[in-house]
N, C-alpha and C. Protein backbone atom coordinates (compact mmCIF):
# COMPACT_ATOMS: atom_id res chain seq x y z
N MET A 1 -42.43 90.05 26.19
CA MET A 1 -42.06 89.32 24.86
C MET A 1 -43.01 87.82 24.90
N ASN A 2 -42.38 87.66 25.67
CA ASN A 2 -43.41 86.04 25.69
C ASN A 2 -44.71 85.85 25.44
N PHE A 3 -44.88 86.67 26.65
CA PHE A 3 -46.51 86.99 26.54
C PHE A 3 -46.95 87.38 25.33
N LEU A 4 -46.66 88.30 24.79
CA LEU A 4 -47.43 88.56 23.82
C LEU A 4 -47.19 87.29 22.76
N LYS A 5 -46.44 86.68 22.46
CA LYS A 5 -46.40 85.33 21.54
C LYS A 5 -46.93 84.84 21.92
N ASN A 6 -47.45 84.55 23.32
CA ASN A 6 -48.16 83.00 23.70
C ASN A 6 -49.41 83.73 23.70
N LEU A 7 -50.07 84.92 23.64
CA LEU A 7 -51.07 85.62 23.37
C LEU A 7 -51.74 84.90 21.77
N PHE A 8 -50.55 85.70 20.88
CA PHE A 8 -50.62 85.63 19.73
C PHE A 8 -50.84 84.21 18.37
N GLY A 9 -49.90 83.65 19.59
CA GLY A 9 -48.99 82.38 18.94
C GLY A 9 -48.56 81.97 17.73
N GLY A 10 -47.77 82.61 18.58
CA GLY A 10 -45.94 83.48 17.53
C GLY A 10 -45.47 82.34 18.14
N GLY A 11 -44.09 82.35 16.90
CA GLY A 11 -43.42 81.06 16.29
C GLY A 11 -44.11 79.60 15.99
N GLY A 12 -44.64 79.22 16.09
CA GLY A 12 -45.50 79.04 15.42
C GLY A 12 -45.16 77.42 15.67
N SER A 13 -45.05 76.79 16.90
CA SER A 13 -44.57 75.88 17.55
C SER A 13 -46.47 74.66 18.51
N GLY A 14 -46.45 75.57 17.71
CA GLY A 14 -47.89 74.87 19.16
C GLY A 14 -47.60 74.24 20.53
N GLY A 15 -46.95 74.30 20.79
CA GLY A 15 -46.49 73.88 22.46
C GLY A 15 -47.35 75.19 23.72
N ASP A 16 -48.03 76.07 22.46
CA ASP A 16 -48.52 76.70 24.24
C ASP A 16 -50.30 75.95 24.76
N GLY A 17 -50.35 74.99 24.30
CA GLY A 17 -51.94 74.35 24.63
C GLY A 17 -52.97 74.76 23.85
N ARG A 18 -52.99 75.80 23.30
CA ARG A 18 -53.99 76.20 22.71
C ARG A 18 -53.97 76.28 20.98
N SER A 19 -52.98 76.03 20.56
CA SER A 19 -52.85 75.43 19.49
C SER A 19 -52.22 74.17 18.75
N LEU A 20 -52.21 73.77 17.24
CA LEU A 20 -51.68 72.05 17.00
C LEU A 20 -50.96 72.71 16.12
N VAL A 21 -50.55 72.64 15.76
CA VAL A 21 -49.41 72.85 14.12
C VAL A 21 -49.06 71.53 13.29
N LEU A 22 -49.66 71.55 12.28
CA LEU A 22 -49.76 70.24 11.61
C LEU A 22 -48.88 71.05 10.20
N TYR A 23 -47.96 69.96 9.28
CA TYR A 23 -47.46 70.24 8.30
C TYR A 23 -47.73 68.97 7.07
N VAL A 24 -48.56 69.60 6.16
CA VAL A 24 -49.11 69.07 4.88
C VAL A 24 -48.82 69.85 3.75
N GLN A 25 -48.90 67.96 3.17
CA GLN A 25 -48.27 68.35 1.06
C GLN A 25 -49.47 67.62 0.32
N PRO A 26 -50.70 68.78 0.27
CA PRO A 26 -51.51 68.35 -0.89
C PRO A 26 -50.60 67.46 -2.36
N LYS A 27 -51.45 66.28 -2.49
CA LYS A 27 -50.99 65.70 -3.56
C LYS A 27 -50.38 66.43 -4.75
N MET A 28 -49.83 65.75 -5.48
CA MET A 28 -49.59 66.79 -6.29
C MET A 28 -48.35 67.70 -7.01
N CYS A 29 -48.05 68.46 -5.32
CA CYS A 29 -47.93 69.29 -4.92
C CYS A 29 -46.62 69.91 -4.32
N LYS A 30 -45.47 70.24 -4.40
CA LYS A 30 -44.44 70.91 -4.29
C LYS A 30 -44.27 71.22 -3.15
N GLU A 31 -45.10 72.36 -2.73
CA GLU A 31 -45.55 73.05 -1.90
C GLU A 31 -45.95 72.09 -0.55
N ILE A 32 -44.58 72.46 0.49
CA ILE A 32 -45.68 72.31 1.85
C ILE A 32 -46.25 73.14 2.64
N VAL A 33 -47.48 73.44 3.23
CA VAL A 33 -48.28 73.71 4.21
C VAL A 33 -48.81 73.40 5.78
N GLN A 34 -48.15 74.86 6.33
CA GLN A 34 -48.23 74.90 7.62
C GLN A 34 -50.30 74.80 8.23
N VAL A 35 -50.00 73.97 8.67
CA VAL A 35 -51.60 73.98 9.21
C VAL A 35 -51.64 74.52 10.64
N ARG A 36 -52.27 75.62 11.17
CA ARG A 36 -52.71 75.66 12.45
C ARG A 36 -53.75 76.06 13.10
N VAL A 37 -54.34 74.72 14.07
CA VAL A 37 -55.64 74.31 15.41
C VAL A 37 -56.11 74.81 15.67
N ASP A 38 -57.02 76.09 16.58
CA ASP A 38 -57.14 77.21 17.36
C ASP A 38 -57.77 75.56 17.84
N LEU A 39 -57.49 75.08 19.41
CA LEU A 39 -57.51 73.95 19.77
C LEU A 39 -58.98 74.36 20.63
N MET A 40 -59.24 75.66 21.59
CA MET A 40 -60.19 76.57 21.95
C MET A 40 -61.28 76.17 21.43
N ASN A 41 -61.19 76.46 20.12
CA ASN A 41 -62.05 77.36 19.00
C ASN A 41 -62.64 76.08 17.83
N GLY A 42 -61.64 75.64 17.62
CA GLY A 42 -61.85 74.71 16.12
C GLY A 42 -62.62 73.05 16.43
N PRO A 43 -62.34 72.01 16.69
CA PRO A 43 -62.99 71.22 17.29
C PRO A 43 -64.03 71.09 18.08
N SER A 44 -65.33 70.37 17.85
CA SER A 44 -66.56 70.10 17.72
C SER A 44 -66.70 68.87 18.81
N LEU A 45 -67.70 69.15 19.52
CA LEU A 45 -68.09 67.82 20.29
C LEU A 45 -68.49 66.52 19.48
N THR A 46 -68.21 65.44 19.83
CA THR A 46 -68.54 64.29 18.77
C THR A 46 -69.75 63.89 19.58
N ASP A 47 -70.79 63.84 18.91
CA ASP A 47 -72.13 62.88 18.89
C ASP A 47 -72.05 62.37 20.45
N ASP A 48 -71.12 61.24 20.79
CA ASP A 48 -71.01 60.27 21.77
C ASP A 48 -70.97 61.31 23.88
N GLY A 49 -70.33 62.41 22.74
CA GLY A 49 -69.52 63.50 24.02
C GLY A 49 -68.48 62.88 24.49
N GLN A 50 -67.84 62.00 23.56
CA GLN A 50 -66.68 61.28 24.64
C GLN A 50 -65.16 61.71 24.28
N GLY A 51 -65.05 62.85 23.31
CA GLY A 51 -64.06 63.86 22.59
C GLY A 51 -64.68 64.71 21.42
N TYR A 52 -63.73 64.97 20.37
CA TYR A 52 -63.62 65.87 19.69
C TYR A 52 -63.21 66.19 18.58
N TYR A 53 -63.91 66.63 17.12
CA TYR A 53 -63.73 65.83 15.77
C TYR A 53 -62.93 67.62 15.27
N MET A 54 -62.22 67.62 14.29
CA MET A 54 -61.87 68.81 13.11
C MET A 54 -61.65 68.14 12.28
N ARG A 55 -62.37 68.71 11.19
CA ARG A 55 -62.35 69.00 9.63
C ARG A 55 -61.59 69.74 9.10
N LYS A 56 -60.66 69.82 8.84
CA LYS A 56 -60.10 70.91 8.03
C LYS A 56 -59.39 71.06 6.52
N LEU A 57 -59.40 72.37 5.40
CA LEU A 57 -58.56 71.79 4.73
C LEU A 57 -57.64 72.54 4.20
N ALA A 58 -56.54 72.50 3.52
CA ALA A 58 -55.34 72.58 3.32
C ALA A 58 -54.93 73.07 2.12
N SER A 59 -54.34 74.25 1.76
CA SER A 59 -54.53 74.57 0.08
C SER A 59 -53.13 75.22 0.10
N ALA A 60 -51.98 74.84 -1.20
CA ALA A 60 -51.39 75.43 -1.32
C ALA A 60 -51.67 76.03 -2.25
N THR A 61 -50.03 77.50 -2.14
CA THR A 61 -50.78 79.05 -2.82
C THR A 61 -50.40 78.48 -4.22
N ARG A 62 -49.24 77.09 -4.78
CA ARG A 62 -49.11 77.65 -6.62
C ARG A 62 -49.63 76.14 -6.40
N CYS A 63 -51.14 75.68 -6.27
CA CYS A 63 -51.14 74.16 -6.21
C CYS A 63 -52.78 74.10 -6.33
N PRO A 64 -53.40 73.68 -7.52
CA PRO A 64 -55.04 73.82 -7.20
C PRO A 64 -55.78 72.87 -6.29
N PHE A 65 -54.20 71.72 -5.97
CA PHE A 65 -55.43 70.62 -4.78
C PHE A 65 -55.32 70.92 -3.79
N GLN A 66 -56.92 70.51 -2.43
CA GLN A 66 -56.50 70.20 -1.36
C GLN A 66 -56.14 68.98 -0.62
N ALA A 67 -55.99 69.45 0.48
CA ALA A 67 -56.03 68.07 1.46
C ALA A 67 -57.39 68.46 2.42
N GLU A 68 -57.80 66.76 2.70
CA GLU A 68 -58.88 67.18 3.79
C GLU A 68 -58.25 66.46 4.84
N ILE A 69 -57.69 67.09 6.16
CA ILE A 69 -57.77 66.74 7.09
C ILE A 69 -58.78 66.47 8.21
N GLU A 70 -58.43 65.41 8.21
CA GLU A 70 -59.31 64.93 10.23
C GLU A 70 -58.88 65.03 11.02
N LEU A 71 -58.84 65.38 12.62
CA LEU A 71 -58.54 65.29 13.72
C LEU A 71 -59.19 64.88 14.74
N PHE A 72 -58.97 63.85 15.68
CA PHE A 72 -59.52 62.96 16.33
C PHE A 72 -59.11 63.34 17.44
N PHE A 73 -59.41 64.34 18.74
CA PHE A 73 -59.34 64.06 19.87
C PHE A 73 -60.31 63.68 21.42
N ASP A 74 -59.22 63.27 22.40
CA ASP A 74 -59.57 63.60 24.07
C ASP A 74 -60.95 64.19 24.09
N LYS A 75 -61.22 64.00 25.71
CA LYS A 75 -61.99 64.65 26.03
C LYS A 75 -61.44 66.05 26.47
N ASN A 76 -59.83 65.75 26.50
CA ASN A 76 -59.02 66.93 26.93
C ASN A 76 -58.26 67.59 25.94
N LYS A 77 -59.19 67.20 24.71
CA LYS A 77 -58.80 68.05 23.32
C LYS A 77 -56.67 67.46 22.74
N LYS A 78 -56.61 66.72 23.15
CA LYS A 78 -55.60 65.91 23.06
C LYS A 78 -55.32 65.09 21.89
N LEU A 79 -54.47 64.89 20.62
CA LEU A 79 -54.61 64.63 19.34
C LEU A 79 -54.28 63.22 19.53
N THR A 80 -55.94 62.35 18.90
CA THR A 80 -55.66 60.53 19.63
C THR A 80 -55.39 60.00 17.88
N ASP A 81 -55.59 60.77 17.03
CA ASP A 81 -55.99 60.39 15.79
C ASP A 81 -55.99 61.13 14.71
N LYS A 82 -55.67 61.50 13.53
CA LYS A 82 -55.13 62.14 12.23
C LYS A 82 -55.22 61.59 11.14
N GLN A 83 -55.96 61.71 10.31
CA GLN A 83 -56.10 61.26 9.05
C GLN A 83 -56.36 62.32 7.43
N ILE A 84 -55.79 61.97 6.69
CA ILE A 84 -55.85 62.81 5.55
C ILE A 84 -55.75 62.33 4.02
N THR A 85 -56.39 62.55 3.57
CA THR A 85 -57.04 63.03 1.95
C THR A 85 -56.30 63.40 0.66
N ASN A 86 -55.68 63.33 -0.03
CA ASN A 86 -54.97 63.92 -1.16
C ASN A 86 -54.57 64.60 -0.73
N GLY A 87 -53.38 64.05 0.16
CA GLY A 87 -52.35 64.75 0.61
C GLY A 87 -51.56 64.28 1.46
N THR A 88 -50.33 64.57 2.21
CA THR A 88 -49.04 63.59 3.15
C THR A 88 -48.79 64.29 4.04
N PHE A 89 -48.75 63.72 5.66
CA PHE A 89 -48.37 64.62 7.15
C PHE A 89 -46.35 64.55 6.88
N VAL A 90 -46.35 65.81 6.71
CA VAL A 90 -44.47 65.82 6.85
C VAL A 90 -44.22 66.31 7.68
N THR A 91 -43.08 66.36 8.22
CA THR A 91 -42.06 66.80 9.68
C THR A 91 -42.42 68.22 9.68
N ALA A 92 -41.60 69.34 10.48
CA ALA A 92 -41.66 70.59 10.46
C ALA A 92 -40.11 70.53 9.88
N GLU A 93 -39.54 69.73 9.96
CA GLU A 93 -37.93 70.29 9.40
C GLU A 93 -38.07 70.02 7.38
N ASP A 94 -38.81 69.23 7.26
CA ASP A 94 -39.54 69.23 5.61
C ASP A 94 -39.85 70.78 5.72
N TYR A 95 -40.34 71.53 6.34
CA TYR A 95 -41.15 73.10 6.21
C TYR A 95 -40.11 73.84 6.40
N HIS A 96 -39.49 73.89 7.28
CA HIS A 96 -38.37 74.49 7.36
C HIS A 96 -37.76 75.09 6.64
N ALA A 97 -36.73 73.36 5.56
CA ALA A 97 -35.95 73.42 4.69
C ALA A 97 -36.92 73.78 3.34
N GLN A 98 -38.11 74.21 3.12
CA GLN A 98 -39.02 74.37 2.11
C GLN A 98 -38.72 76.47 1.99
N GLU A 99 -38.77 76.39 3.35
CA GLU A 99 -38.87 77.88 3.58
C GLU A 99 -37.31 78.47 3.16
N ALA A 100 -36.26 77.66 4.28
CA ALA A 100 -34.63 78.23 4.00
C ALA A 100 -34.25 78.38 2.14
N GLU A 101 -34.80 77.49 1.19
CA GLU A 101 -34.75 77.28 0.32
C GLU A 101 -35.27 78.43 -0.88
N ARG A 102 -36.71 78.59 -0.31
CA ARG A 102 -37.13 80.27 -1.16
C ARG A 102 -36.04 81.15 -0.70
N ALA A 103 -35.74 81.52 0.78
CA ALA A 103 -35.26 83.26 0.68
C ALA A 103 -34.31 82.77 0.38
């Protein structure tokens, strides 16, 4: 069963080395969004060839605002910096608390 979880990214932990999970709250929204980044296919090589870059938009289902996420990686696709516009990064605990409250 763990094989299938690893294959399809189950669990949302992002610890498989193929993905990264971020938690974002767009500006003026109460909803927290889980954003999954596929490290094998998402980031693009930078112009200088020294690392990778990725831009991603996060939208909440009940809010009209989008947060823009910029991610910077080294040559081994390890996250070196992250920036957000029109939102804030929050913790996994915040996200899970929100999901528990909904249920």
